[in-house]
Amino acid sequence: MPGSALGFVAGTCVLLLLPQLPSAAVLTGIAVTAVVVALRTGSLVPLAFAAGAILCRVEAGARLADQLDPGLEGRTLTIAGRVVSVPQSLAHGLRFRFEPACALNLRLPRTIELTWYEPDWRPLPGERLALEVKLRRPRGFANPGGSDYVARMLREGIGATGYVRSAKSDGRTGLDLLTHPVLTARGEVARVVADVAWKNSGGRAGTAESYTNAVSYAGPSFSSGNSCRRSTNQTCPS
């Protein structure tokens, strides 16, 4: 069992170190070779190695495919969906993650990260919104030894970033609370902690926002309703 686990990890690591993802033909060759070696040696390690490489390839391919269509960059888009993070305060606005549920005739990533400058209100975790946004693919610097912004967005499943031009709230139902219990609980914890911090500081400006952000950053910053990956081809029902 330890050998199989190490083989699985080794297969994953080898694939991640490749300069580009291997083709289906290469994966087939790896799988066939692993089966032959396993039959001859009686060891499960080759099969675990192949399984790690193949599963990693599938996941990496899905993440890369879940990116904004370049043709949609810079356009004003009308979308609807749900807030899937605890909104974080910025100097002149808010940042939150959003899961589009409906976008007319558009292919959108499963999750996008939005900035709302000078917002009219603070959205709640799990709240449904109708938005006008401008989006682009994640971009950033990849300096040696520094943070790679694009890689981080890829790891966290963010296929686009952008900003809100206008917003309308469609509220938050009891079903939304039931389907996102962890996200809802984190939002309530953030609110209570921010209120207590603000009162204990004598109402000092910025205190509530800093504590809200601290809770927002703790743990995974977004939560979907289930663990299944949805199709990236999301369109409004006719």
C-alpha atoms as a PDB file:
ATOM      1  CA  MET A   1       0.000   0.000   0.000  1.00  0.00           C
ATOM      2  CA  PRO A   2       2.731   2.599   0.777  1.00  0.00           C
ATOM      3  CA  GLY A   3       4.420   1.710  -2.502  1.00  0.00           C
ATOM      4  CA  SER A   4       1.195   2.238  -4.435  1.00  0.00           C
ATOM      5  CA  ALA A   5       0.617   5.588  -2.748  1.00  0.00           C
ATOM      6  CA  LEU A   6       4.145   6.693  -3.599  1.00  0.00           C
ATOM      7  CA  GLY A   7       3.654   5.509  -7.170  1.00  0.00           C
ATOM      8  CA  PHE A   8       0.469   7.557  -7.475  1.00  0.00           C
ATOM      9  CA  VAL A   9       2.211  10.672  -6.131  1.00  0.00           C
ATOM     10  CA  ALA A  10       5.182  10.078  -8.431  1.00  0.00           C
ATOM     11  CA  GLY A  11       2.913   9.848 -11.474  1.00  0.00           C
ATOM     12  CA  THR A  12       1.228  13.111 -10.517  1.00  0.00           C
ATOM     13  CA  CYS A  13       4.519  14.922  -9.931  1.00  0.00           C
ATOM     14  CA  VAL A  14       6.063  13.692 -13.186  1.00  0.00           C
ATOM     15  CA  LEU A  15       3.114  14.983 -15.188  1.00  0.00           C
ATOM     16  CA  LEU A  16       3.166  18.374 -13.447  1.00  0.00           C
ATOM     17  CA  LEU A  17       6.869  18.767 -14.279  1.00  0.00           C
ATOM     18  CA  LEU A  18       6.274  18.352 -18.020  1.00  0.00           C
ATOM     19  CA  PRO A  19       6.462  21.531 -20.152  1.00  0.00           C
ATOM     20  CA  GLN A  20       3.099  20.670 -21.741  1.00  0.00           C
ATOM     21  CA  LEU A  21       0.309  18.193 -21.131  1.00  0.00           C
ATOM     22  CA  PRO A  22       0.769  14.844 -22.887  1.00  0.00           C
ATOM     23  CA  SER A  23      -1.624  13.730 -25.603  1.00  0.00           C
ATOM     24  CA  ALA A  24      -4.148  10.925 -25.291  1.00  0.00           C
ATOM     25  CA  ALA A  25      -1.823   8.650 -27.274  1.00  0.00           C
ATOM     26  CA  VAL A  26       0.986   9.171 -24.767  1.00  0.00           C
ATOM     27  CA  LEU A  27      -1.350   8.444 -21.859  1.00  0.00           C
ATOM     28  CA  THR A  28      -2.534   5.282 -23.574  1.00  0.00           C
ATOM     29  CA  GLY A  29       1.075   4.173 -23.957  1.00  0.00           C
ATOM     30  CA  ILE A  30       1.731   4.837 -20.269  1.00  0.00           C
ATOM     31  CA  ALA A  31      -1.341   2.827 -19.280  1.00  0.00           C
ATOM     32  CA  VAL A  32      -0.455  -0.149 -21.502  1.00  0.00           C
ATOM     33  CA  THR A  33       3.141  -0.172 -20.273  1.00  0.00           C
ATOM     34  CA  ALA A  34       1.960  -0.019 -16.652  1.00  0.00           C
ATOM     35  CA  VAL A  35      -0.361  -2.987 -17.160  1.00  0.00           C
ATOM     36  CA  VAL A  36       2.385  -5.070 -18.803  1.00  0.00           C
ATOM     37  CA  VAL A  37       4.918  -4.281 -16.050  1.00  0.00           C
ATOM     38  CA  ALA A  38       2.360  -4.965 -13.325  1.00  0.00           C
ATOM     39  CA  LEU A  39       1.469  -8.368 -14.805  1.00  0.00           C
ATOM     40  CA  ARG A  40       5.128  -9.367 -15.059  1.00  0.00           C
ATOM     41  CA  THR A  41       6.199  -8.144 -11.621  1.00  0.00           C
ATOM     42  CA  GLY A  42       2.988  -8.601  -9.646  1.00  0.00           C
ATOM     43  CA  SER A  43       3.372  -5.066  -8.306  1.00  0.00           C
ATOM     44  CA  LEU A  44       0.635  -2.442  -8.209  1.00  0.00           C
ATOM     45  CA  VAL A  45       3.115   0.447  -8.225  1.00  0.00           C
ATOM     46  CA  PRO A  46       3.191   0.821 -12.047  1.00  0.00           C
ATOM     47  CA  LEU A  47      -0.617   0.903 -12.132  1.00  0.00           C
ATOM     48  CA  ALA A  48      -0.667   3.531  -9.371  1.00  0.00           C
ATOM     49  CA  PHE A  49       1.912   5.594 -11.266  1.00  0.00           C
ATOM     50  CA  ALA A  50      -0.193   5.479 -14.427  1.00  0.00           C
ATOM     51  CA  ALA A  51      -3.381   6.290 -12.489  1.00  0.00           C
ATOM     52  CA  GLY A  52      -1.748   9.331 -10.889  1.00  0.00           C
ATOM     53  CA  ALA A  53      -0.499  10.628 -14.227  1.00  0.00           C
ATOM     54  CA  ILE A  54      -3.806  10.060 -16.032  1.00  0.00           C
ATOM     55  CA  LEU A  55      -6.005  11.584 -13.319  1.00  0.00           C
ATOM     56  CA  CYS A  56      -3.698  14.587 -13.043  1.00  0.00           C
ATOM     57  CA  ARG A  57      -3.845  15.039 -16.827  1.00  0.00           C
ATOM     58  CA  VAL A  58      -7.641  14.949 -16.791  1.00  0.00           C
ATOM     59  CA  GLU A  59      -7.884  17.503 -13.978  1.00  0.00           C
ATOM     60  CA  ALA A  60      -5.251  19.806 -15.469  1.00  0.00           C
ATOM     61  CA  GLY A  61      -6.947  19.651 -18.858  1.00  0.00           C
ATOM     62  CA  ALA A  62     -10.308  20.532 -17.316  1.00  0.00           C
ATOM     63  CA  ARG A  63      -8.783  23.511 -15.464  1.00  0.00           C
ATOM     64  CA  LEU A  64      -7.126  24.823 -18.632  1.00  0.00           C
ATOM     65  CA  ALA A  65     -10.342  24.387 -20.613  1.00  0.00           C
ATOM     66  CA  ASP A  66     -12.306  26.302 -17.966  1.00  0.00           C
ATOM     67  CA  GLN A  67     -10.939  29.683 -19.095  1.00  0.00           C
ATOM     68  CA  LEU A  68     -12.684  32.732 -20.482  1.00  0.00           C
ATOM     69  CA  ASP A  69     -13.109  32.804 -24.247  1.00  0.00           C
ATOM     70  CA  PRO A  70     -10.632  35.448 -25.516  1.00  0.00           C
ATOM     71  CA  GLY A  71     -13.413  36.872 -27.693  1.00  0.00           C
ATOM     72  CA  LEU A  72     -15.335  37.891 -24.567  1.00  0.00           C
ATOM     73  CA  GLU A  73     -12.508  39.901 -23.016  1.00  0.00           C
ATOM     74  CA  GLY A  74     -13.284  43.585 -22.557  1.00  0.00           C
ATOM     75  CA  ARG A  75     -16.943  43.236 -23.540  1.00  0.00           C
ATOM     76  CA  THR A  76     -19.794  44.283 -21.253  1.00  0.00           C
ATOM     77  CA  LEU A  77     -21.566  41.041 -20.332  1.00  0.00           C
ATOM     78  CA  THR A  78     -24.864  40.465 -18.552  1.00  0.00           C
ATOM     79  CA  ILE A  79     -24.695  37.460 -16.255  1.00  0.00           C
ATOM     80  CA  ALA A  80     -26.596  35.982 -13.331  1.00  0.00           C
ATOM     81  CA  GLY A  81     -25.400  33.669 -10.610  1.00  0.00           C
ATOM     82  CA  ARG A  82     -24.354  33.323  -7.003  1.00  0.00           C
ATOM     83  CA  VAL A  83     -21.712  34.785  -4.682  1.00  0.00           C
ATOM     84  CA  VAL A  84     -19.501  31.859  -3.609  1.00  0.00           C
ATOM     85  CA  SER A  85     -17.103  33.567  -1.194  1.00  0.00           C
ATOM     86  CA  VAL A  86     -17.137  35.915   1.771  1.00  0.00           C
ATOM     87  CA  PRO A  87     -16.647  39.332   0.085  1.00  0.00           C
ATOM     88  CA  GLN A  88     -13.330  40.971   1.005  1.00  0.00           C
ATOM     89  CA  SER A  89     -12.983  44.719   1.539  1.00  0.00           C
ATOM     90  CA  LEU A  90     -10.591  46.715  -0.615  1.00  0.00           C
ATOM     91  CA  ALA A  91      -9.529  50.345  -0.423  1.00  0.00           C
ATOM     92  CA  HIS A  92     -12.389  51.468  -2.667  1.00  0.00           C
ATOM     93  CA  GLY A  93     -14.627  48.455  -2.985  1.00  0.00           C
ATOM     94  CA  LEU A  94     -15.127  44.725  -2.588  1.00  0.00           C
ATOM     95  CA  ARG A  95     -13.739  41.552  -4.128  1.00  0.00           C
ATOM     96  CA  PHE A  96     -15.675  38.301  -4.264  1.00  0.00           C
ATOM     97  CA  ARG A  97     -15.928  35.086  -6.217  1.00  0.00           C
ATOM     98  CA  PHE A  98     -18.944  34.455  -8.375  1.00  0.00           C
ATOM     99  CA  GLU A  99     -20.433  31.343  -9.932  1.00  0.00           C
ATOM    100  CA  PRO A 100     -22.308  32.189 -13.146  1.00  0.00           C
ATOM    101  CA  ALA A 101     -25.531  30.266 -13.539  1.00  0.00           C
ATOM    102  CA  CYS A 102     -26.931  31.941 -16.612  1.00  0.00           C
ATOM    103  CA  ALA A 103     -25.299  33.955 -19.384  1.00  0.00           C
ATOM    104  CA  LEU A 104     -27.163  34.282 -22.665  1.00  0.00           C
ATOM    105  CA  ASN A 105     -25.336  32.443 -25.474  1.00  0.00           C
ATOM    106  CA  LEU A 106     -21.993  32.716 -23.632  1.00  0.00           C
ATOM    107  CA  ARG A 107     -19.403  30.192 -22.508  1.00  0.00           C
ATOM    108  CA  LEU A 108     -18.163  31.250 -19.098  1.00  0.00           C
ATOM    109  CA  PRO A 109     -15.772  29.698 -16.572  1.00  0.00           C
ATOM    110  CA  ARG A 110     -17.235  27.861 -13.614  1.00  0.00           C
ATOM    111  CA  THR A 111     -15.916  30.487 -11.166  1.00  0.00           C
ATOM    112  CA  ILE A 112     -14.830  34.090 -11.724  1.00  0.00           C
ATOM    113  CA  GLU A 113     -13.319  36.665  -9.368  1.00  0.00           C
ATOM    114  CA  LEU A 114     -14.931  40.108  -9.432  1.00  0.00           C
ATOM    115  CA  THR A 115     -14.065  43.502  -8.020  1.00  0.00           C
ATOM    116  CA  TRP A 116     -16.879  45.959  -7.314  1.00  0.00           C
ATOM    117  CA  TYR A 117     -15.701  49.532  -6.879  1.00  0.00           C
ATOM    118  CA  GLU A 118     -17.811  51.845  -4.691  1.00  0.00           C
ATOM    119  CA  PRO A 119     -20.525  49.207  -4.192  1.00  0.00           C
ATOM    120  CA  ASP A 120     -24.097  50.150  -3.335  1.00  0.00           C
ATOM    121  CA  TRP A 121     -24.280  47.375  -0.738  1.00  0.00           C
ATOM    122  CA  ARG A 122     -22.249  44.407   0.536  1.00  0.00           C
ATOM    123  CA  PRO A 123     -23.393  41.117  -1.051  1.00  0.00           C
ATOM    124  CA  LEU A 124     -23.945  38.170   1.253  1.00  0.00           C
ATOM    125  CA  PRO A 125     -22.301  34.772   0.742  1.00  0.00           C
ATOM    126  CA  GLY A 126     -24.663  32.668  -1.357  1.00  0.00           C
ATOM    127  CA  GLU A 127     -26.648  35.705  -2.541  1.00  0.00           C
ATOM    128  CA  ARG A 128     -27.982  35.630  -6.095  1.00  0.00           C
ATOM    129  CA  LEU A 129     -27.012  38.600  -8.262  1.00  0.00           C
ATOM    130  CA  ALA A 130     -27.725  39.872 -11.765  1.00  0.00           C
ATOM    131  CA  LEU A 131     -24.632  41.714 -12.982  1.00  0.00           C
ATOM    132  CA  GLU A 132     -23.142  43.712 -15.798  1.00  0.00           C
ATOM    133  CA  VAL A 133     -19.430  42.921 -15.850  1.00  0.00           C
ATOM    134  CA  LYS A 134     -16.263  43.213 -17.905  1.00  0.00           C
ATOM    135  CA  LEU A 135     -13.992  40.161 -17.778  1.00  0.00           C
ATOM    136  CA  ARG A 136     -10.546  39.024 -18.868  1.00  0.00           C
ATOM    137  CA  ARG A 137      -8.374  35.976 -18.434  1.00  0.00           C
ATOM    138  CA  PRO A 138      -6.145  36.024 -15.331  1.00  0.00           C
ATOM    139  CA  ARG A 139      -2.884  37.846 -16.053  1.00  0.00           C
ATOM    140  CA  GLY A 140       0.111  38.584 -13.880  1.00  0.00           C
ATOM    141  CA  PHE A 141       3.860  38.463 -13.509  1.00  0.00           C
ATOM    142  CA  ALA A 142       5.763  35.213 -12.889  1.00  0.00           C
ATOM    143  CA  ASN A 143       9.027  36.504 -11.450  1.00  0.00           C
ATOM    144  CA  PRO A 144      11.610  33.879 -10.371  1.00  0.00           C
ATOM    145  CA  GLY A 145      11.151  33.200  -6.668  1.00  0.00           C
ATOM    146  CA  GLY A 146       8.005  35.317  -6.543  1.00  0.00           C
ATOM    147  CA  SER A 147       4.307  34.604  -6.580  1.00  0.00           C
ATOM    148  CA  ASP A 148       2.808  33.357  -9.843  1.00  0.00           C
ATOM    149  CA  TYR A 149      -0.637  34.966  -9.976  1.00  0.00           C
ATOM    150  CA  VAL A 150      -1.830  33.046 -13.036  1.00  0.00           C
ATOM    151  CA  ALA A 151      -0.762  29.714 -11.527  1.00  0.00           C
ATOM    152  CA  ARG A 152      -2.588  30.549  -8.302  1.00  0.00           C
ATOM    153  CA  MET A 153      -5.780  31.369 -10.195  1.00  0.00           C
ATOM    154  CA  LEU A 154      -5.448  28.088 -12.086  1.00  0.00           C
ATOM    155  CA  ARG A 155      -4.968  26.107  -8.861  1.00  0.00           C
ATOM    156  CA  GLU A 156      -8.012  27.767  -7.301  1.00  0.00           C
ATOM    157  CA  GLY A 157     -10.203  27.178 -10.342  1.00  0.00           C
ATOM    158  CA  ILE A 158     -10.646  30.839 -11.326  1.00  0.00           C
ATOM    159  CA  GLY A 159     -11.136  31.096 -15.075  1.00  0.00           C
ATOM    160  CA  ALA A 160     -11.621  34.875 -15.343  1.00  0.00           C
ATOM    161  CA  THR A 161     -11.294  38.091 -13.378  1.00  0.00           C
ATOM    162  CA  GLY A 162     -13.071  41.394 -13.891  1.00  0.00           C
ATOM    163  CA  TYR A 163     -15.105  44.172 -12.377  1.00  0.00           C
ATOM    164  CA  VAL A 164     -18.787  44.947 -11.808  1.00  0.00           C
ATOM    165  CA  ARG A 165     -20.401  47.788 -13.754  1.00  0.00           C
ATOM    166  CA  SER A 166     -23.883  47.398 -12.267  1.00  0.00           C
ATOM    167  CA  ALA A 167     -25.612  44.930  -9.976  1.00  0.00           C
ATOM    168  CA  LYS A 168     -29.061  43.890  -8.837  1.00  0.00           C
ATOM    169  CA  SER A 169     -29.754  41.517  -5.966  1.00  0.00           C
ATOM    170  CA  ASP A 170     -32.143  38.613  -6.404  1.00  0.00           C
ATOM    171  CA  GLY A 171     -31.908  37.742  -2.712  1.00  0.00           C
ATOM    172  CA  ARG A 172     -30.955  34.604  -0.860  1.00  0.00           C
ATOM    173  CA  THR A 173     -33.470  31.818  -0.227  1.00  0.00           C
ATOM    174  CA  GLY A 174     -33.611  29.149   2.439  1.00  0.00           C
ATOM    175  CA  LEU A 175     -32.524  26.620  -0.181  1.00  0.00           C
ATOM    176  CA  ASP A 176     -29.405  28.704  -0.853  1.00  0.00           C
ATOM    177  CA  LEU A 177     -28.557  28.550   2.850  1.00  0.00           C
ATOM    178  CA  LEU A 178     -29.071  24.782   2.957  1.00  0.00           C
ATOM    179  CA  THR A 179     -26.992  24.062  -0.145  1.00  0.00           C
ATOM    180  CA  HIS A 180     -24.070  26.256   1.035  1.00  0.00           C
ATOM    181  CA  PRO A 181     -23.966  25.695   4.823  1.00  0.00           C
ATOM    182  CA  VAL A 182     -20.194  26.172   5.256  1.00  0.00           C
ATOM    183  CA  LEU A 183     -20.111  29.322   3.134  1.00  0.00           C
ATOM    184  CA  THR A 184     -23.124  30.751   4.976  1.00  0.00           C
ATOM    185  CA  ALA A 185     -21.585  29.973   8.367  1.00  0.00           C
ATOM    186  CA  ARG A 186     -18.312  31.655   7.400  1.00  0.00           C
ATOM    187  CA  GLY A 187     -20.229  34.733   6.317  1.00  0.00           C
ATOM    188  CA  GLU A 188     -22.044  34.923   9.662  1.00  0.00           C
ATOM    189  CA  VAL A 189     -18.785  34.412  11.583  1.00  0.00           C
ATOM    190  CA  ALA A 190     -17.173  37.218   9.573  1.00  0.00           C
ATOM    191  CA  ARG A 191     -20.078  39.545  10.313  1.00  0.00           C
ATOM    192  CA  VAL A 192     -20.104  38.825  14.054  1.00  0.00           C
ATOM    193  CA  VAL A 193     -16.319  39.088  14.392  1.00  0.00           C
ATOM    194  CA  ALA A 194     -16.301  42.379  12.467  1.00  0.00           C
ATOM    195  CA  ASP A 195     -19.087  43.823  14.664  1.00  0.00           C
ATOM    196  CA  VAL A 196     -17.319  42.830  17.876  1.00  0.00           C
ATOM    197  CA  ALA A 197     -13.975  44.178  16.638  1.00  0.00           C
ATOM    198  CA  TRP A 198     -15.550  47.470  15.614  1.00  0.00           C
ATOM    199  CA  LYS A 199     -17.241  47.936  18.991  1.00  0.00           C
ATOM    200  CA  ASN A 200     -14.104  47.004  20.942  1.00  0.00           C
ATOM    201  CA  SER A 201     -12.051  49.485  18.913  1.00  0.00           C
ATOM    202  CA  GLY A 202     -14.417  52.314  19.737  1.00  0.00           C
ATOM    203  CA  GLY A 203     -15.667  52.486  16.166  1.00  0.00           C
ATOM    204  CA  ARG A 204     -12.235  53.042  14.629  1.00  0.00           C
ATOM    205  CA  ALA A 205     -12.455  53.166  10.825  1.00  0.00           C
ATOM    206  CA  GLY A 206     -11.175  50.110   8.988  1.00  0.00           C
ATOM    207  CA  THR A 207     -11.286  47.740  11.965  1.00  0.00           C
ATOM    208  CA  ALA A 208     -14.405  45.857  10.896  1.00  0.00           C
ATOM    209  CA  GLU A 209     -13.118  45.466   7.330  1.00  0.00           C
ATOM    210  CA  SER A 210      -9.761  44.087   8.461  1.00  0.00           C
ATOM    211  CA  TYR A 211     -11.376  41.431  10.646  1.00  0.00           C
ATOM    212  CA  THR A 212     -13.868  40.525   7.923  1.00  0.00           C
ATOM    213  CA  ASN A 213     -10.991  40.017   5.501  1.00  0.00           C
ATOM    214  CA  ALA A 214      -9.137  37.879   8.037  1.00  0.00           C
ATOM    215  CA  VAL A 215     -12.110  35.520   8.251  1.00  0.00           C
ATOM    216  CA  SER A 216     -12.555  35.637   4.471  1.00  0.00           C
ATOM    217  CA  TYR A 217      -8.963  34.514   3.882  1.00  0.00           C
ATOM    218  CA  ALA A 218      -9.160  31.673   6.432  1.00  0.00           C
ATOM    219  CA  GLY A 219      -9.607  28.343   4.702  1.00  0.00           C
ATOM    220  CA  PRO A 220     -10.947  27.862   1.166  1.00  0.00           C
ATOM    221  CA  SER A 221     -12.197  31.175  -0.159  1.00  0.00           C
ATOM    222  CA  PHE A 222     -15.116  29.763  -2.090  1.00  0.00           C
ATOM    223  CA  SER A 223     -17.511  26.852  -1.883  1.00  0.00           C
ATOM    224  CA  SER A 224     -19.700  25.365  -4.565  1.00  0.00           C
ATOM    225  CA  GLY A 225     -22.880  23.492  -3.872  1.00  0.00           C
ATOM    226  CA  ASN A 226     -21.366  20.090  -4.634  1.00  0.00           C
ATOM    227  CA  SER A 227     -18.088  18.471  -5.535  1.00  0.00           C
ATOM    228  CA  CYS A 228     -19.009  17.636  -9.115  1.00  0.00           C
ATOM    229  CA  ARG A 229     -17.454  19.650 -11.934  1.00  0.00           C
ATOM    230  CA  ARG A 230     -20.040  21.296 -14.138  1.00  0.00           C
ATOM    231  CA  SER A 231     -19.712  21.786 -17.857  1.00  0.00           C
ATOM    232  CA  THR A 232     -18.075  25.042 -18.938  1.00  0.00           C
ATOM    233  CA  ASN A 233     -20.695  25.448 -21.634  1.00  0.00           C
ATOM    234  CA  GLN A 234     -23.208  27.334 -19.493  1.00  0.00           C
ATOM    235  CA  THR A 235     -26.111  28.911 -21.322  1.00  0.00           C
ATOM    236  CA  CYS A 236     -29.483  30.290 -20.365  1.00  0.00           C
ATOM    237  CA  PRO A 237     -32.434  28.006 -20.894  1.00  0.00           C
ATOM    238  CA  SER A 238     -34.501  29.028 -23.884  1.00  0.00           C
END
